Amino acid sequence: MKARRRYGGYLVHLGVVLVFFGFAGKSFDIERKVNLRPGETTELGDYELRHAGLRVSEDWQREMITADIEVWRDEEMLTVLHPARWWYFQAPDQPTTEVDRYMTPFEDVYTSIQTVDLNEGWTQMRIFLNPLVNWIWVGTFIMLLGSAVCIGTRRPENGPRA
């Protein structure tokens, strides 16, 4: 308890190292723009992404086109991502893009739909592989924890000041 500032400072510095570790992963990012038809696959680093089909739906405020993208690695399906494109009835000229992601401690796979041609059956997508991005969040949390350890530490009122 006497050395709270010192140990809090150690935690803050550990957090800074982890944040910079996460920033270093940015140099290994992979970004691709691909056109896929249902059933086609593309590679993204160690992953294989398979376009499993499109779904068109509508609710009271928007029309939606959702793609089902299977994420495979080493012959094992890990998850199905559902990026979407939404057109709101109030602003039909301003569609929104809904991104979906698969996260691991060491890398994230992001998918987003750019353009869809239902007549021809293809989907233009942007896909990203971002390694180490979660370490930025872990490092930030550790820095906050270290700051919390330091808060409330006081010098003795009668003691000498440095």
N, C-alpha and C. Protein backbone atom coordinates (compact mmCIF):
# COMPACT_ATOMS: atom_id res chain seq x y z
N MET A 1 0.82 -1.20 0.00
CA MET A 1 0.00 0.00 0.00
C MET A 1 0.86 1.26 0.00
N LYS A 2 2.09 1.18 0.51
CA LYS A 2 2.94 2.37 0.55
C LYS A 2 3.44 2.75 -0.84
N ALA A 3 3.56 1.79 -1.74
CA ALA A 3 4.15 2.06 -3.05
C ALA A 3 3.09 2.02 -4.16
N ARG A 4 1.91 2.52 -3.86
CA ARG A 4 0.83 2.48 -4.85
C ARG A 4 1.19 3.24 -6.12
N ARG A 5 1.83 4.39 -5.98
CA ARG A 5 2.20 5.16 -7.16
C ARG A 5 3.18 4.40 -8.03
N ARG A 6 4.14 3.74 -7.41
CA ARG A 6 5.14 3.00 -8.17
C ARG A 6 4.48 1.86 -8.95
N TYR A 7 3.68 1.05 -8.26
CA TYR A 7 3.05 -0.09 -8.94
C TYR A 7 1.99 0.35 -9.94
N GLY A 8 1.29 1.42 -9.64
CA GLY A 8 0.36 1.98 -10.61
C GLY A 8 1.10 2.46 -11.85
N GLY A 9 2.25 3.08 -11.65
CA GLY A 9 3.08 3.51 -12.79
C GLY A 9 3.56 2.34 -13.62
N TYR A 10 3.92 1.23 -12.95
CA TYR A 10 4.31 0.03 -13.69
C TYR A 10 3.16 -0.45 -14.58
N LEU A 11 1.95 -0.45 -14.02
CA LEU A 11 0.79 -0.89 -14.81
C LEU A 11 0.53 0.04 -15.99
N VAL A 12 0.65 1.34 -15.76
CA VAL A 12 0.44 2.29 -16.85
C VAL A 12 1.47 2.06 -17.96
N HIS A 13 2.72 1.85 -17.59
CA HIS A 13 3.75 1.62 -18.60
C HIS A 13 3.53 0.29 -19.33
N LEU A 14 3.09 -0.73 -18.62
CA LEU A 14 2.75 -2.00 -19.29
C LEU A 14 1.63 -1.78 -20.29
N GLY A 15 0.63 -1.00 -19.91
CA GLY A 15 -0.46 -0.69 -20.84
C GLY A 15 0.02 0.04 -22.07
N VAL A 16 0.95 0.98 -21.88
CA VAL A 16 1.50 1.71 -23.04
C VAL A 16 2.22 0.76 -23.98
N VAL A 17 2.99 -0.17 -23.43
CA VAL A 17 3.69 -1.16 -24.27
C VAL A 17 2.68 -2.00 -25.07
N LEU A 18 1.60 -2.43 -24.42
CA LEU A 18 0.59 -3.23 -25.12
C LEU A 18 -0.12 -2.43 -26.21
N VAL A 19 -0.39 -1.16 -25.94
CA VAL A 19 -1.01 -0.31 -26.97
C VAL A 19 -0.09 -0.19 -28.18
N PHE A 20 1.19 0.05 -27.95
CA PHE A 20 2.12 0.15 -29.08
C PHE A 20 2.29 -1.19 -29.79
N PHE A 21 2.18 -2.29 -29.06
CA PHE A 21 2.18 -3.62 -29.66
C PHE A 21 0.99 -3.74 -30.62
N GLY A 22 -0.16 -3.25 -30.19
CA GLY A 22 -1.34 -3.25 -31.06
C GLY A 22 -1.16 -2.37 -32.28
N PHE A 23 -0.55 -1.20 -32.10
CA PHE A 23 -0.28 -0.31 -33.24
C PHE A 23 0.69 -0.95 -34.22
N ALA A 24 1.65 -1.72 -33.73
CA ALA A 24 2.61 -2.39 -34.61
C ALA A 24 1.91 -3.39 -35.53
N GLY A 25 0.81 -3.98 -35.07
CA GLY A 25 0.07 -4.92 -35.90
C GLY A 25 -0.54 -4.28 -37.12
N LYS A 26 -0.71 -2.96 -37.11
CA LYS A 26 -1.28 -2.24 -38.25
C LYS A 26 -0.45 -2.42 -39.51
N SER A 27 0.83 -2.64 -39.36
CA SER A 27 1.68 -2.81 -40.54
C SER A 27 1.45 -4.15 -41.23
N PHE A 28 0.70 -5.05 -40.60
CA PHE A 28 0.42 -6.36 -41.20
C PHE A 28 -1.03 -6.49 -41.65
N ASP A 29 -1.76 -5.37 -41.72
CA ASP A 29 -3.15 -5.40 -42.18
C ASP A 29 -3.25 -5.90 -43.61
N ILE A 30 -4.34 -6.58 -43.89
CA ILE A 30 -4.66 -6.99 -45.26
C ILE A 30 -6.04 -6.43 -45.58
N GLU A 31 -6.16 -5.75 -46.71
CA GLU A 31 -7.44 -5.19 -47.14
C GLU A 31 -7.64 -5.55 -48.61
N ARG A 32 -8.84 -6.06 -48.91
CA ARG A 32 -9.13 -6.44 -50.30
C ARG A 32 -10.53 -6.02 -50.66
N LYS A 33 -10.73 -5.73 -51.92
CA LYS A 33 -12.06 -5.49 -52.47
C LYS A 33 -12.30 -6.62 -53.47
N VAL A 34 -13.37 -7.39 -53.24
CA VAL A 34 -13.64 -8.57 -54.07
C VAL A 34 -15.08 -8.56 -54.55
N ASN A 35 -15.30 -9.17 -55.72
CA ASN A 35 -16.64 -9.44 -56.23
C ASN A 35 -16.88 -10.93 -56.10
N LEU A 36 -17.92 -11.30 -55.39
CA LEU A 36 -18.23 -12.71 -55.17
C LEU A 36 -19.67 -12.99 -55.53
N ARG A 37 -19.88 -14.14 -56.12
CA ARG A 37 -21.23 -14.66 -56.32
C ARG A 37 -21.47 -15.73 -55.26
N PRO A 38 -22.72 -16.00 -54.93
CA PRO A 38 -22.98 -17.07 -53.96
C PRO A 38 -22.30 -18.37 -54.36
N GLY A 39 -21.60 -18.99 -53.40
CA GLY A 39 -20.87 -20.23 -53.64
C GLY A 39 -19.39 -20.02 -53.89
N GLU A 40 -18.97 -18.80 -54.25
CA GLU A 40 -17.57 -18.53 -54.51
C GLU A 40 -16.81 -18.25 -53.22
N THR A 41 -15.51 -18.47 -53.27
CA THR A 41 -14.67 -18.24 -52.09
C THR A 41 -13.51 -17.31 -52.45
N THR A 42 -12.93 -16.72 -51.42
CA THR A 42 -11.72 -15.90 -51.57
C THR A 42 -10.87 -16.10 -50.33
N GLU A 43 -9.57 -15.90 -50.48
CA GLU A 43 -8.65 -16.06 -49.36
C GLU A 43 -8.30 -14.70 -48.77
N LEU A 44 -8.13 -14.70 -47.46
CA LEU A 44 -7.73 -13.50 -46.73
C LEU A 44 -6.77 -13.96 -45.64
N GLY A 45 -5.48 -13.87 -45.91
CA GLY A 45 -4.49 -14.39 -44.97
C GLY A 45 -4.65 -15.90 -44.84
N ASP A 46 -4.78 -16.39 -43.60
CA ASP A 46 -4.99 -17.81 -43.35
C ASP A 46 -6.45 -18.21 -43.43
N TYR A 47 -7.33 -17.28 -43.68
CA TYR A 47 -8.76 -17.54 -43.70
C TYR A 47 -9.26 -17.70 -45.12
N GLU A 48 -10.35 -18.43 -45.25
CA GLU A 48 -11.05 -18.54 -46.51
C GLU A 48 -12.48 -18.09 -46.25
N LEU A 49 -12.95 -17.13 -47.06
CA LEU A 49 -14.30 -16.61 -46.91
C LEU A 49 -15.16 -17.12 -48.06
N ARG A 50 -16.30 -17.70 -47.72
CA ARG A 50 -17.21 -18.28 -48.71
C ARG A 50 -18.53 -17.52 -48.68
N HIS A 51 -18.95 -17.05 -49.85
CA HIS A 51 -20.24 -16.35 -49.97
C HIS A 51 -21.34 -17.41 -49.99
N ALA A 52 -22.12 -17.48 -48.91
CA ALA A 52 -23.15 -18.51 -48.78
C ALA A 52 -24.51 -18.06 -49.29
N GLY A 53 -24.65 -16.81 -49.68
CA GLY A 53 -25.93 -16.35 -50.24
C GLY A 53 -26.33 -14.98 -49.72
N LEU A 54 -27.40 -14.46 -50.33
CA LEU A 54 -27.95 -13.16 -49.97
C LEU A 54 -29.37 -13.32 -49.46
N ARG A 55 -29.75 -12.45 -48.55
CA ARG A 55 -31.12 -12.39 -48.06
C ARG A 55 -31.63 -10.97 -48.23
N VAL A 56 -32.82 -10.83 -48.78
CA VAL A 56 -33.46 -9.52 -48.94
C VAL A 56 -34.65 -9.49 -48.00
N SER A 57 -34.73 -8.43 -47.19
CA SER A 57 -35.85 -8.31 -46.25
C SER A 57 -36.23 -6.85 -46.11
N GLU A 58 -37.34 -6.64 -45.43
CA GLU A 58 -37.87 -5.29 -45.26
C GLU A 58 -38.62 -5.22 -43.94
N ASP A 59 -38.50 -4.08 -43.26
CA ASP A 59 -39.34 -3.85 -42.10
C ASP A 59 -40.02 -2.49 -42.28
N TRP A 60 -40.58 -1.93 -41.25
CA TRP A 60 -41.38 -0.71 -41.36
C TRP A 60 -40.57 0.53 -41.69
N GLN A 61 -39.21 0.47 -41.53
CA GLN A 61 -38.42 1.67 -41.78
C GLN A 61 -37.31 1.51 -42.82
N ARG A 62 -37.02 0.28 -43.27
CA ARG A 62 -35.89 0.11 -44.19
C ARG A 62 -36.01 -1.18 -45.00
N GLU A 63 -35.29 -1.18 -46.13
CA GLU A 63 -35.07 -2.38 -46.93
C GLU A 63 -33.64 -2.84 -46.65
N MET A 64 -33.43 -4.16 -46.56
CA MET A 64 -32.13 -4.67 -46.18
C MET A 64 -31.69 -5.79 -47.13
N ILE A 65 -30.43 -5.77 -47.49
CA ILE A 65 -29.80 -6.89 -48.19
C ILE A 65 -28.67 -7.36 -47.28
N THR A 66 -28.73 -8.62 -46.89
CA THR A 66 -27.75 -9.19 -45.97
C THR A 66 -27.04 -10.34 -46.66
N ALA A 67 -25.73 -10.37 -46.57
CA ALA A 67 -24.93 -11.47 -47.11
C ALA A 67 -24.57 -12.41 -45.98
N ASP A 68 -24.52 -13.69 -46.29
CA ASP A 68 -24.05 -14.70 -45.34
C ASP A 68 -22.67 -15.13 -45.80
N ILE A 69 -21.66 -14.81 -45.00
CA ILE A 69 -20.27 -15.08 -45.35
C ILE A 69 -19.71 -16.07 -44.33
N GLU A 70 -19.36 -17.26 -44.81
CA GLU A 70 -18.77 -18.27 -43.92
C GLU A 70 -17.27 -18.03 -43.82
N VAL A 71 -16.75 -18.09 -42.60
CA VAL A 71 -15.32 -17.90 -42.35
C VAL A 71 -14.73 -19.27 -42.02
N TRP A 72 -13.78 -19.71 -42.84
CA TRP A 72 -13.14 -21.02 -42.68
C TRP A 72 -11.66 -20.83 -42.39
N ARG A 73 -11.11 -21.74 -41.61
CA ARG A 73 -9.67 -21.78 -41.38
C ARG A 73 -9.29 -23.24 -41.11
N ASP A 74 -8.32 -23.74 -41.84
CA ASP A 74 -7.85 -25.13 -41.70
C ASP A 74 -9.00 -26.13 -41.82
N GLU A 75 -9.81 -25.97 -42.86
CA GLU A 75 -10.93 -26.88 -43.15
C GLU A 75 -12.00 -26.91 -42.06
N GLU A 76 -12.04 -25.89 -41.21
CA GLU A 76 -13.03 -25.81 -40.14
C GLU A 76 -13.78 -24.48 -40.25
N MET A 77 -15.13 -24.56 -40.29
CA MET A 77 -15.91 -23.33 -40.34
C MET A 77 -15.96 -22.72 -38.94
N LEU A 78 -15.52 -21.46 -38.84
CA LEU A 78 -15.43 -20.79 -37.56
C LEU A 78 -16.71 -20.05 -37.20
N THR A 79 -17.28 -19.35 -38.18
CA THR A 79 -18.48 -18.55 -37.93
C THR A 79 -19.10 -18.16 -39.26
N VAL A 80 -20.27 -17.57 -39.19
CA VAL A 80 -20.94 -16.99 -40.35
C VAL A 80 -21.13 -15.50 -40.06
N LEU A 81 -20.58 -14.66 -40.93
CA LEU A 81 -20.73 -13.22 -40.78
C LEU A 81 -21.92 -12.74 -41.60
N HIS A 82 -22.54 -11.65 -41.15
CA HIS A 82 -23.75 -11.13 -41.80
C HIS A 82 -23.62 -9.63 -42.09
N PRO A 83 -22.71 -9.23 -42.99
CA PRO A 83 -22.67 -7.80 -43.35
C PRO A 83 -23.93 -7.47 -44.14
N ALA A 84 -24.34 -6.20 -44.08
CA ALA A 84 -25.60 -5.82 -44.71
C ALA A 84 -25.51 -4.42 -45.31
N ARG A 85 -26.45 -4.14 -46.15
CA ARG A 85 -26.64 -2.81 -46.74
C ARG A 85 -28.10 -2.44 -46.49
N TRP A 86 -28.33 -1.29 -45.87
CA TRP A 86 -29.68 -0.88 -45.51
C TRP A 86 -30.03 0.41 -46.24
N TRP A 87 -31.28 0.47 -46.76
CA TRP A 87 -31.84 1.67 -47.38
C TRP A 87 -33.05 2.08 -46.56
N TYR A 88 -32.94 3.21 -45.88
CA TYR A 88 -34.06 3.73 -45.08
C TYR A 88 -35.04 4.45 -45.99
N PHE A 89 -36.34 4.27 -45.73
CA PHE A 89 -37.38 4.90 -46.56
C PHE A 89 -37.31 6.42 -46.46
N GLN A 90 -36.89 6.98 -45.32
CA GLN A 90 -36.80 8.42 -45.14
C GLN A 90 -35.64 9.04 -45.92
N ALA A 91 -34.59 8.23 -46.19
CA ALA A 91 -33.41 8.74 -46.91
C ALA A 91 -32.90 7.66 -47.87
N PRO A 92 -33.64 7.37 -48.94
CA PRO A 92 -33.26 6.25 -49.82
C PRO A 92 -31.96 6.49 -50.60
N ASP A 93 -31.53 7.74 -50.72
CA ASP A 93 -30.29 8.03 -51.44
C ASP A 93 -29.06 7.93 -50.56
N GLN A 94 -29.24 7.57 -49.28
CA GLN A 94 -28.13 7.48 -48.34
C GLN A 94 -28.13 6.12 -47.66
N PRO A 95 -27.76 5.07 -48.38
CA PRO A 95 -27.74 3.74 -47.75
C PRO A 95 -26.65 3.65 -46.69
N THR A 96 -26.86 2.77 -45.74
CA THR A 96 -25.85 2.54 -44.71
C THR A 96 -25.24 1.16 -44.90
N THR A 97 -24.02 1.03 -44.46
CA THR A 97 -23.30 -0.23 -44.54
C THR A 97 -23.15 -0.79 -43.14
N GLU A 98 -23.59 -2.00 -42.93
CA GLU A 98 -23.48 -2.66 -41.64
C GLU A 98 -22.34 -3.67 -41.71
N VAL A 99 -21.31 -3.44 -40.92
CA VAL A 99 -20.11 -4.26 -40.93
C VAL A 99 -20.29 -5.40 -39.93
N ASP A 100 -19.74 -6.57 -40.25
CA ASP A 100 -19.72 -7.67 -39.29
C ASP A 100 -18.28 -8.14 -39.16
N ARG A 101 -17.93 -8.71 -37.99
CA ARG A 101 -16.55 -9.10 -37.76
C ARG A 101 -16.46 -10.39 -36.96
N TYR A 102 -15.33 -11.05 -37.16
CA TYR A 102 -14.96 -12.24 -36.38
C TYR A 102 -13.71 -11.86 -35.61
N MET A 103 -13.77 -11.96 -34.28
CA MET A 103 -12.67 -11.49 -33.44
C MET A 103 -11.97 -12.66 -32.75
N THR A 104 -10.64 -12.58 -32.70
CA THR A 104 -9.82 -13.47 -31.89
C THR A 104 -8.85 -12.58 -31.10
N PRO A 105 -8.13 -13.13 -30.13
CA PRO A 105 -7.18 -12.28 -29.40
C PRO A 105 -6.07 -11.71 -30.27
N PHE A 106 -5.78 -12.35 -31.39
CA PHE A 106 -4.64 -11.91 -32.19
C PHE A 106 -5.00 -11.28 -33.52
N GLU A 107 -6.23 -11.43 -34.00
CA GLU A 107 -6.60 -10.80 -35.26
C GLU A 107 -8.12 -10.76 -35.41
N ASP A 108 -8.58 -9.81 -36.22
CA ASP A 108 -10.00 -9.64 -36.51
C ASP A 108 -10.21 -9.71 -38.01
N VAL A 109 -11.32 -10.32 -38.42
CA VAL A 109 -11.74 -10.35 -39.82
C VAL A 109 -13.00 -9.50 -39.93
N TYR A 110 -12.96 -8.46 -40.78
CA TYR A 110 -14.09 -7.57 -40.99
C TYR A 110 -14.61 -7.75 -42.40
N THR A 111 -15.94 -7.69 -42.57
CA THR A 111 -16.56 -7.74 -43.89
C THR A 111 -17.59 -6.64 -44.00
N SER A 112 -17.68 -6.04 -45.17
CA SER A 112 -18.73 -5.05 -45.44
C SER A 112 -19.13 -5.15 -46.90
N ILE A 113 -20.39 -4.89 -47.16
CA ILE A 113 -20.94 -4.91 -48.52
C ILE A 113 -20.81 -3.51 -49.10
N GLN A 114 -20.27 -3.40 -50.32
CA GLN A 114 -20.17 -2.12 -51.00
C GLN A 114 -21.30 -1.96 -52.02
N THR A 115 -21.46 -2.96 -52.88
CA THR A 115 -22.46 -2.91 -53.93
C THR A 115 -23.05 -4.30 -54.11
N VAL A 116 -24.32 -4.35 -54.45
CA VAL A 116 -24.99 -5.62 -54.71
C VAL A 116 -25.72 -5.50 -56.03
N ASP A 117 -25.55 -6.49 -56.90
CA ASP A 117 -26.32 -6.56 -58.15
C ASP A 117 -27.14 -7.83 -58.10
N LEU A 118 -28.42 -7.69 -57.77
CA LEU A 118 -29.28 -8.86 -57.65
C LEU A 118 -29.59 -9.49 -59.00
N ASN A 119 -29.54 -8.69 -60.08
CA ASN A 119 -29.81 -9.25 -61.41
C ASN A 119 -28.68 -10.18 -61.86
N GLU A 120 -27.45 -9.74 -61.69
CA GLU A 120 -26.29 -10.55 -62.08
C GLU A 120 -25.89 -11.53 -61.00
N GLY A 121 -26.24 -11.24 -59.75
CA GLY A 121 -25.97 -12.16 -58.65
C GLY A 121 -24.64 -11.98 -57.95
N TRP A 122 -23.94 -10.87 -58.17
CA TRP A 122 -22.66 -10.68 -57.50
C TRP A 122 -22.77 -9.64 -56.40
N THR A 123 -21.82 -9.73 -55.47
CA THR A 123 -21.73 -8.81 -54.35
C THR A 123 -20.31 -8.28 -54.29
N GLN A 124 -20.16 -6.95 -54.31
CA GLN A 124 -18.83 -6.36 -54.13
C GLN A 124 -18.65 -6.10 -52.64
N MET A 125 -17.57 -6.66 -52.10
CA MET A 125 -17.32 -6.57 -50.67
C MET A 125 -15.92 -6.05 -50.40
N ARG A 126 -15.77 -5.42 -49.26
CA ARG A 126 -14.45 -5.08 -48.74
C ARG A 126 -14.23 -5.98 -47.55
N ILE A 127 -13.08 -6.62 -47.54
CA ILE A 127 -12.74 -7.53 -46.44
C ILE A 127 -11.39 -7.10 -45.86
N PHE A 128 -11.28 -7.22 -44.56
CA PHE A 128 -10.09 -6.75 -43.84
C PHE A 128 -9.63 -7.82 -42.87
N LEU A 129 -8.32 -7.95 -42.72
CA LEU A 129 -7.72 -8.75 -41.67
C LEU A 129 -6.83 -7.80 -40.87
N ASN A 130 -7.20 -7.55 -39.61
CA ASN A 130 -6.46 -6.62 -38.76
C ASN A 130 -5.85 -7.37 -37.59
N PRO A 131 -4.54 -7.65 -37.63
CA PRO A 131 -3.92 -8.35 -36.51
C PRO A 131 -3.63 -7.42 -35.33
N LEU A 132 -3.72 -7.98 -34.14
CA LEU A 132 -3.32 -7.35 -32.88
C LEU A 132 -4.15 -6.14 -32.47
N VAL A 133 -5.27 -5.86 -33.12
CA VAL A 133 -6.04 -4.66 -32.80
C VAL A 133 -6.64 -4.74 -31.40
N ASN A 134 -6.94 -5.92 -30.91
CA ASN A 134 -7.54 -6.05 -29.57
C ASN A 134 -6.55 -5.70 -28.46
N TRP A 135 -5.25 -5.76 -28.75
CA TRP A 135 -4.25 -5.41 -27.74
C TRP A 135 -4.27 -3.92 -27.42
N ILE A 136 -4.77 -3.12 -28.35
CA ILE A 136 -4.94 -1.69 -28.06
C ILE A 136 -5.96 -1.52 -26.94
N TRP A 137 -7.05 -2.26 -27.02
CA TRP A 137 -8.08 -2.18 -25.98
C TRP A 137 -7.58 -2.75 -24.65
N VAL A 138 -6.86 -3.86 -24.70
CA VAL A 138 -6.32 -4.44 -23.47
C VAL A 138 -5.34 -3.47 -22.82
N GLY A 139 -4.46 -2.88 -23.62
CA GLY A 139 -3.50 -1.92 -23.09
C GLY A 139 -4.16 -0.70 -22.50
N THR A 140 -5.21 -0.21 -23.15
CA THR A 140 -5.95 0.95 -22.62
C THR A 140 -6.58 0.61 -21.28
N PHE A 141 -7.17 -0.57 -21.16
CA PHE A 141 -7.77 -0.99 -19.90
C PHE A 141 -6.71 -1.08 -18.79
N ILE A 142 -5.54 -1.63 -19.11
CA ILE A 142 -4.47 -1.74 -18.10
C ILE A 142 -3.96 -0.37 -17.70
N MET A 143 -3.88 0.58 -18.65
CA MET A 143 -3.49 1.95 -18.29
C MET A 143 -4.51 2.57 -17.35
N LEU A 144 -5.79 2.36 -17.61
CA LEU A 144 -6.82 2.89 -16.71
C LEU A 144 -6.74 2.25 -15.33
N LEU A 145 -6.47 0.95 -15.30
CA LEU A 145 -6.33 0.25 -14.04
C LEU A 145 -5.14 0.81 -13.25
N GLY A 146 -4.02 1.02 -13.93
CA GLY A 146 -2.85 1.61 -13.28
C GLY A 146 -3.12 3.00 -12.76
N SER A 147 -3.89 3.79 -13.52
CA SER A 147 -4.26 5.13 -13.06
C SER A 147 -5.14 5.05 -11.82
N ALA A 148 -6.05 4.08 -11.79
CA ALA A 148 -6.92 3.92 -10.63
C ALA A 148 -6.12 3.52 -9.39
N VAL A 149 -5.07 2.72 -9.59
CA VAL A 149 -4.21 2.34 -8.46
C VAL A 149 -3.52 3.58 -7.90
N CYS A 150 -3.12 4.48 -8.78
CA CYS A 150 -2.41 5.69 -8.35
C CYS A 150 -3.31 6.73 -7.69
N ILE A 151 -4.57 6.73 -8.06
CA ILE A 151 -5.48 7.76 -7.53
C ILE A 151 -5.64 7.58 -6.02
N GLY A 152 -5.63 8.67 -5.35
CA GLY A 152 -5.83 8.64 -3.91
C GLY A 152 -4.55 8.51 -3.12
N THR A 153 -3.43 8.39 -3.79
CA THR A 153 -2.16 8.30 -3.08
C THR A 153 -1.76 9.70 -2.66
N ARG A 154 -1.45 9.87 -1.39
CA ARG A 154 -1.05 11.18 -0.87
C ARG A 154 0.33 11.09 -0.23
N ARG A 155 1.02 12.20 -0.26
CA ARG A 155 2.27 12.32 0.49
C ARG A 155 1.91 12.60 1.94
N PRO A 156 2.75 12.19 2.85
CA PRO A 156 2.49 12.55 4.25
C PRO A 156 2.51 14.07 4.40
N GLU A 157 1.57 14.59 5.17
CA GLU A 157 1.45 16.05 5.29
C GLU A 157 2.64 16.67 6.00
N ASN A 158 3.21 15.98 6.98
CA ASN A 158 4.31 16.55 7.74
C ASN A 158 5.66 16.15 7.20
N GLY A 159 5.68 15.24 6.22
CA GLY A 159 6.96 14.74 5.72
C GLY A 159 7.62 15.70 4.75
N PRO A 160 8.90 15.48 4.46
CA PRO A 160 9.62 16.35 3.53
C PRO A 160 9.13 16.12 2.09
N ARG A 161 9.22 17.14 1.27
CA ARG A 161 8.82 17.05 -0.12
C ARG A 161 10.06 16.98 -0.99
N ALA A 162 9.95 16.21 -2.05
CA ALA A 162 11.10 16.05 -2.95
C ALA A 162 11.13 17.11 -3.99
